[in-house]
């Protein structure tokens, strides 16, 4: 029961913090935070506690596969964003499913998947335009944030419940599906416009470098260290990489969109 309460509290609070960061500092910074394993990280901890470190270690393979698929998801969403959020979301989700499905049948070791993820992130960054928007923020309705938190809580509970039935690798893929990004991107797209959604996605892609590093390191530590140490090492590395990404993001000039 205590673990269930933890599931219902931690990830929704992380989503709330990211949502407020987007409203405070803009879509690019909010997207960078989305690149952190805000959903998949807690789910990995729950898998380790409920099914053992070996199961969680196997699930990291799925998370690395999903990193490649997430980068493609963001690139496709941005490519189609000007045609509306429904088509953009449908195309991006289909792309994620296809790439994740293919990679699950390719026998690559964790280091190979990590390098593939890094290459995918760099390619996606080259494809996504770096633009700012003059669009003004709309006041979010009172139910906006509670609804987002409720959706992500349901998703976390659902993934951890079906994990024993779908296996470790598929659990890792499902845990790393960009649920939180979808929620924020659709709300941003509808409320502000497609350029703002594109910047959210670009920021997320930049954050995926730390995401990939987190799960690659986790694949090495889970079977060698106790759980506290096994998760502490990748968390520290993730934060360090995010700090560098944030510094570089603030130094790169941004083109102003006229859309």
Protein backbone atom coordinates (compact mmCIF):
# COMPACT_ATOMS: atom_id res chain seq x y z
CA UNK A 1 0.00 0.00 0.00
CA UNK A 2 2.85 2.38 0.86
CA UNK A 3 4.46 1.69 -2.53
CA UNK A 4 1.16 2.39 -4.28
CA UNK A 5 0.89 5.74 -2.51
CA UNK A 6 4.47 6.48 -3.55
CA UNK A 7 3.56 5.73 -7.19
CA UNK A 8 0.55 8.03 -6.99
CA UNK A 9 2.58 10.91 -5.54
CA UNK A 10 6.16 11.03 -6.85
CA UNK A 11 5.77 11.08 -10.63
CA UNK A 12 2.72 13.39 -10.65
CA UNK A 13 4.70 15.85 -8.51
CA UNK A 14 7.59 15.67 -10.99
CA UNK A 15 5.13 16.41 -13.80
CA UNK A 16 3.74 19.35 -11.83
CA UNK A 17 7.25 20.72 -11.30
CA UNK A 18 8.05 20.38 -15.01
CA UNK A 19 4.78 22.06 -15.99
CA UNK A 20 5.53 25.00 -13.70
CA UNK A 21 9.07 25.17 -15.12
CA UNK A 22 7.65 25.46 -18.64
CA UNK A 23 5.37 28.29 -17.53
CA UNK A 24 8.19 30.04 -15.70
CA UNK A 25 11.22 29.59 -18.00
CA UNK A 26 9.74 28.66 -21.37
CA UNK A 27 9.35 25.61 -23.56
CA UNK A 28 13.04 24.93 -24.25
CA UNK A 29 13.99 24.70 -20.58
CA UNK A 30 10.84 22.72 -19.80
CA UNK A 31 11.64 20.34 -22.63
CA UNK A 32 15.16 19.88 -21.30
CA UNK A 33 13.66 18.80 -17.99
CA UNK A 34 11.41 16.37 -19.87
CA UNK A 35 14.58 14.68 -21.09
CA UNK A 36 15.22 13.58 -17.53
CA UNK A 37 13.85 10.11 -16.67
CA UNK A 38 10.98 11.66 -14.72
CA UNK A 39 8.60 8.79 -15.49
CA UNK A 40 10.91 5.92 -16.38
CA UNK A 41 13.25 6.60 -13.45
CA UNK A 42 10.62 6.12 -10.74
CA UNK A 43 9.18 3.15 -12.65
CA UNK A 44 12.65 1.58 -12.72
CA UNK A 45 12.86 1.94 -8.95
CA UNK A 46 9.42 0.35 -8.54
CA UNK A 47 10.43 -2.54 -10.82
CA UNK A 48 13.59 -3.12 -8.78
CA UNK A 49 11.65 -3.09 -5.51
CA UNK A 50 8.81 -5.31 -6.74
CA UNK A 51 10.62 -7.70 -9.11
CA UNK A 52 14.29 -7.46 -8.14
CA UNK A 53 17.41 -5.69 -9.46
CA UNK A 54 17.91 -8.27 -12.24
CA UNK A 55 14.49 -7.48 -13.72
CA UNK A 56 15.17 -3.73 -13.52
CA UNK A 57 18.61 -4.22 -15.10
CA UNK A 58 17.05 -6.07 -18.03
CA UNK A 59 14.49 -3.28 -18.38
CA UNK A 60 17.28 -0.77 -19.00
CA UNK A 61 17.73 -2.32 -22.44
CA UNK A 62 14.17 -1.33 -23.25
CA UNK A 63 14.79 2.19 -21.97
CA UNK A 64 17.84 2.58 -24.25
CA UNK A 65 15.80 1.31 -27.19
CA UNK A 66 13.10 3.82 -26.29
CA UNK A 67 15.66 6.64 -26.21
CA UNK A 68 16.28 6.17 -29.93
CA UNK A 69 12.53 6.02 -30.51
CA UNK A 70 11.95 9.14 -28.39
CA UNK A 71 14.41 11.15 -30.48
CA UNK A 72 12.57 10.05 -33.62
CA UNK A 73 9.24 10.82 -31.93
CA UNK A 74 10.31 14.41 -31.26
CA UNK A 75 11.73 14.93 -34.74
CA UNK A 76 8.57 13.66 -36.44
CA UNK A 77 6.29 15.67 -34.15
CA UNK A 78 8.19 18.84 -35.02
CA UNK A 79 8.14 18.02 -38.71
CA UNK A 80 4.34 17.66 -38.75
CA UNK A 81 3.50 20.18 -35.99
CA UNK A 82 2.37 22.94 -38.35
CA UNK A 83 -0.44 20.66 -39.58
CA UNK A 84 -2.04 20.38 -36.16
CA UNK A 85 -1.45 18.48 -32.95
CA UNK A 86 -3.61 15.47 -33.84
CA UNK A 87 -1.63 14.57 -36.97
CA UNK A 88 1.67 15.43 -35.29
CA UNK A 89 0.92 13.24 -32.28
CA UNK A 90 -0.39 10.34 -34.36
CA UNK A 91 2.64 10.40 -36.66
CA UNK A 92 5.09 10.69 -33.76
CA UNK A 93 3.51 7.82 -31.79
CA UNK A 94 3.51 5.59 -34.88
CA UNK A 95 7.19 6.40 -35.44
CA UNK A 96 8.01 5.53 -31.83
CA UNK A 97 6.18 2.21 -32.07
CA UNK A 98 7.85 1.20 -35.35
CA UNK A 99 11.39 2.06 -34.26
CA UNK A 100 11.00 0.52 -30.80
CA UNK A 101 9.49 -2.60 -32.34
CA UNK A 102 12.36 -3.01 -34.80
CA UNK A 103 15.11 -2.40 -32.24
CA UNK A 104 13.63 -4.94 -29.83
CA UNK A 105 14.48 -7.60 -32.42
CA UNK A 106 18.01 -6.34 -33.08
CA UNK A 107 20.54 -8.09 -30.77
CA UNK A 108 22.60 -5.08 -29.76
CA UNK A 109 24.46 -4.89 -26.42
CA UNK A 110 23.80 -2.00 -24.06
CA UNK A 111 26.85 -0.07 -25.30
CA UNK A 112 25.60 -0.40 -28.89
CA UNK A 113 22.16 0.85 -27.92
CA UNK A 114 23.71 3.73 -25.98
CA UNK A 115 25.78 4.82 -29.00
CA UNK A 116 22.71 4.48 -31.24
CA UNK A 117 20.78 6.69 -28.82
CA UNK A 118 23.48 9.37 -28.86
CA UNK A 119 23.55 9.31 -32.67
CA UNK A 120 19.75 9.57 -32.82
CA UNK A 121 19.75 12.55 -30.46
CA UNK A 122 22.37 14.41 -32.48
CA UNK A 123 20.49 13.71 -35.71
CA UNK A 124 17.20 14.89 -34.23
CA UNK A 125 18.78 18.11 -32.95
CA UNK A 126 19.98 18.82 -36.46
CA UNK A 127 16.48 18.32 -37.86
CA UNK A 128 14.48 20.34 -35.32
CA UNK A 129 14.51 24.15 -35.86
CA UNK A 130 15.71 26.30 -32.98
CA UNK A 131 13.15 29.10 -32.90
CA UNK A 132 11.56 31.31 -30.29
CA UNK A 133 7.98 32.47 -30.47
CA UNK A 134 6.28 35.75 -29.66
CA UNK A 135 3.03 33.98 -28.82
CA UNK A 136 1.66 35.00 -25.46
CA UNK A 137 0.94 32.42 -22.77
CA UNK A 138 -2.71 31.65 -22.17
CA UNK A 139 -3.99 31.29 -18.64
CA UNK A 140 -4.41 27.59 -17.95
CA UNK A 141 -7.81 26.49 -16.55
CA UNK A 142 -7.93 25.31 -12.94
CA UNK A 143 -8.28 21.67 -13.96
CA UNK A 144 -5.23 21.69 -16.24
CA UNK A 145 -2.53 20.65 -13.76
CA UNK A 146 -4.66 18.17 -11.73
CA UNK A 147 -5.68 16.45 -14.96
CA UNK A 148 -2.07 16.10 -16.09
CA UNK A 149 -1.07 14.69 -12.70
CA UNK A 150 -3.94 12.22 -12.72
CA UNK A 151 -3.06 10.97 -16.20
CA UNK A 152 0.59 10.37 -15.39
CA UNK A 153 -0.25 8.63 -12.09
CA UNK A 154 -2.54 6.22 -13.93
CA UNK A 155 0.15 5.51 -16.51
CA UNK A 156 2.82 4.75 -13.88
CA UNK A 157 0.54 2.37 -12.00
CA UNK A 158 -0.52 0.70 -15.25
CA UNK A 159 3.03 0.06 -16.49
CA UNK A 160 4.18 -1.43 -13.19
CA UNK A 161 1.09 -3.67 -13.00
CA UNK A 162 1.58 -5.21 -16.43
CA UNK A 163 5.37 -5.53 -16.15
CA UNK A 164 5.37 -9.22 -15.08
CA UNK A 165 3.21 -10.13 -18.07
CA UNK A 166 5.07 -8.28 -20.84
CA UNK A 167 8.63 -8.90 -19.66
CA UNK A 168 11.53 -6.68 -18.58
CA UNK A 169 12.57 -5.26 -21.94
CA UNK A 170 9.05 -4.34 -23.02
CA UNK A 171 8.47 -2.85 -19.57
CA UNK A 172 11.51 -0.64 -20.12
CA UNK A 173 10.16 0.51 -23.48
CA UNK A 174 6.71 1.24 -22.05
CA UNK A 175 8.20 3.03 -19.04
CA UNK A 176 10.18 5.25 -21.41
CA UNK A 177 7.34 6.02 -23.79
CA UNK A 178 7.11 9.85 -23.74
CA UNK A 179 3.87 10.00 -21.75
CA UNK A 180 4.82 13.19 -19.94
CA UNK A 181 6.08 14.82 -23.13
CA UNK A 182 2.80 14.03 -24.90
CA UNK A 183 0.77 15.60 -22.11
CA UNK A 184 2.86 18.78 -22.06
CA UNK A 185 3.27 18.99 -25.85
CA UNK A 186 -0.43 18.69 -26.61
CA UNK A 187 -1.37 21.25 -23.98
CA UNK A 188 1.37 23.58 -25.21
CA UNK A 189 0.42 23.08 -28.86
CA UNK A 190 -3.26 23.78 -28.20
CA UNK A 191 -2.73 26.74 -25.88
CA UNK A 192 0.25 28.52 -27.46
CA UNK A 193 0.92 27.12 -30.92
CA UNK A 194 3.05 24.68 -32.88
CA UNK A 195 6.29 26.68 -32.63
CA UNK A 196 6.15 26.50 -28.84
CA UNK A 197 5.52 22.75 -29.05
CA UNK A 198 8.51 22.39 -31.34
CA UNK A 199 10.74 24.14 -28.82
CA UNK A 200 9.44 21.88 -26.08
CA UNK A 201 10.40 18.87 -28.21
CA UNK A 202 13.81 20.31 -29.08
CA UNK A 203 14.56 20.84 -25.42
CA UNK A 204 13.48 17.28 -24.70
CA UNK A 205 15.82 15.90 -27.35
CA UNK A 206 18.72 17.80 -25.81
CA UNK A 207 17.83 16.22 -22.47
CA UNK A 208 17.81 12.71 -23.93
CA UNK A 209 21.61 12.59 -23.80
CA UNK A 210 21.41 12.43 -20.02
CA UNK A 211 18.48 9.99 -20.29
CA UNK A 212 20.57 7.56 -22.34
CA UNK A 213 23.55 7.94 -20.02
CA UNK A 214 21.36 7.33 -16.98
CA UNK A 215 20.08 3.96 -18.18
CA UNK A 216 23.38 2.82 -19.61
CA UNK A 217 25.09 3.46 -16.29
CA UNK A 218 22.14 1.88 -14.48
CA UNK A 219 22.59 -1.28 -16.56
CA UNK A 220 26.12 -1.49 -15.14
CA UNK A 221 25.36 -0.67 -11.50
CA UNK A 222 22.12 -2.51 -10.70
CA UNK A 223 23.74 -5.95 -10.41
CA UNK A 224 26.95 -4.69 -8.79
CA UNK A 225 25.80 -2.24 -6.10
CA UNK A 226 23.02 -1.96 -3.57
CA UNK A 227 19.94 -0.14 -4.80
CA UNK A 228 20.76 3.20 -3.17
CA UNK A 229 24.22 3.33 -4.72
CA UNK A 230 23.03 1.81 -7.99
CA UNK A 231 20.58 4.67 -8.54
CA UNK A 232 22.69 7.41 -6.97
CA UNK A 233 25.53 7.09 -9.49
CA UNK A 234 23.38 7.51 -12.65
CA UNK A 235 21.36 10.28 -11.02
CA UNK A 236 24.51 12.30 -10.34
CA UNK A 237 25.77 11.71 -13.89
CA UNK A 238 22.39 12.69 -15.31
CA UNK A 239 22.33 15.96 -13.39
CA UNK A 240 25.89 16.76 -14.49
CA UNK A 241 25.04 16.19 -18.16
CA UNK A 242 21.87 18.25 -17.83
CA UNK A 243 23.84 21.11 -16.31
CA UNK A 244 26.19 21.11 -19.33
CA UNK A 245 23.21 20.92 -21.74
CA UNK A 246 21.53 23.84 -19.98
CA UNK A 247 24.72 25.92 -20.19
CA UNK A 248 25.09 25.21 -23.91
CA UNK A 249 21.41 25.89 -24.56
CA UNK A 250 21.63 29.32 -22.98
CA UNK A 251 24.65 30.20 -25.13
CA UNK A 252 23.20 29.12 -28.48
CA UNK A 253 21.41 31.97 -30.31
CA UNK A 254 17.73 31.36 -31.03
CA UNK A 255 15.98 32.50 -34.20
CA UNK A 256 12.76 34.40 -33.62
CA UNK A 257 9.79 32.84 -35.35
CA UNK A 258 7.36 35.03 -37.25
CA UNK A 259 4.66 32.32 -37.26
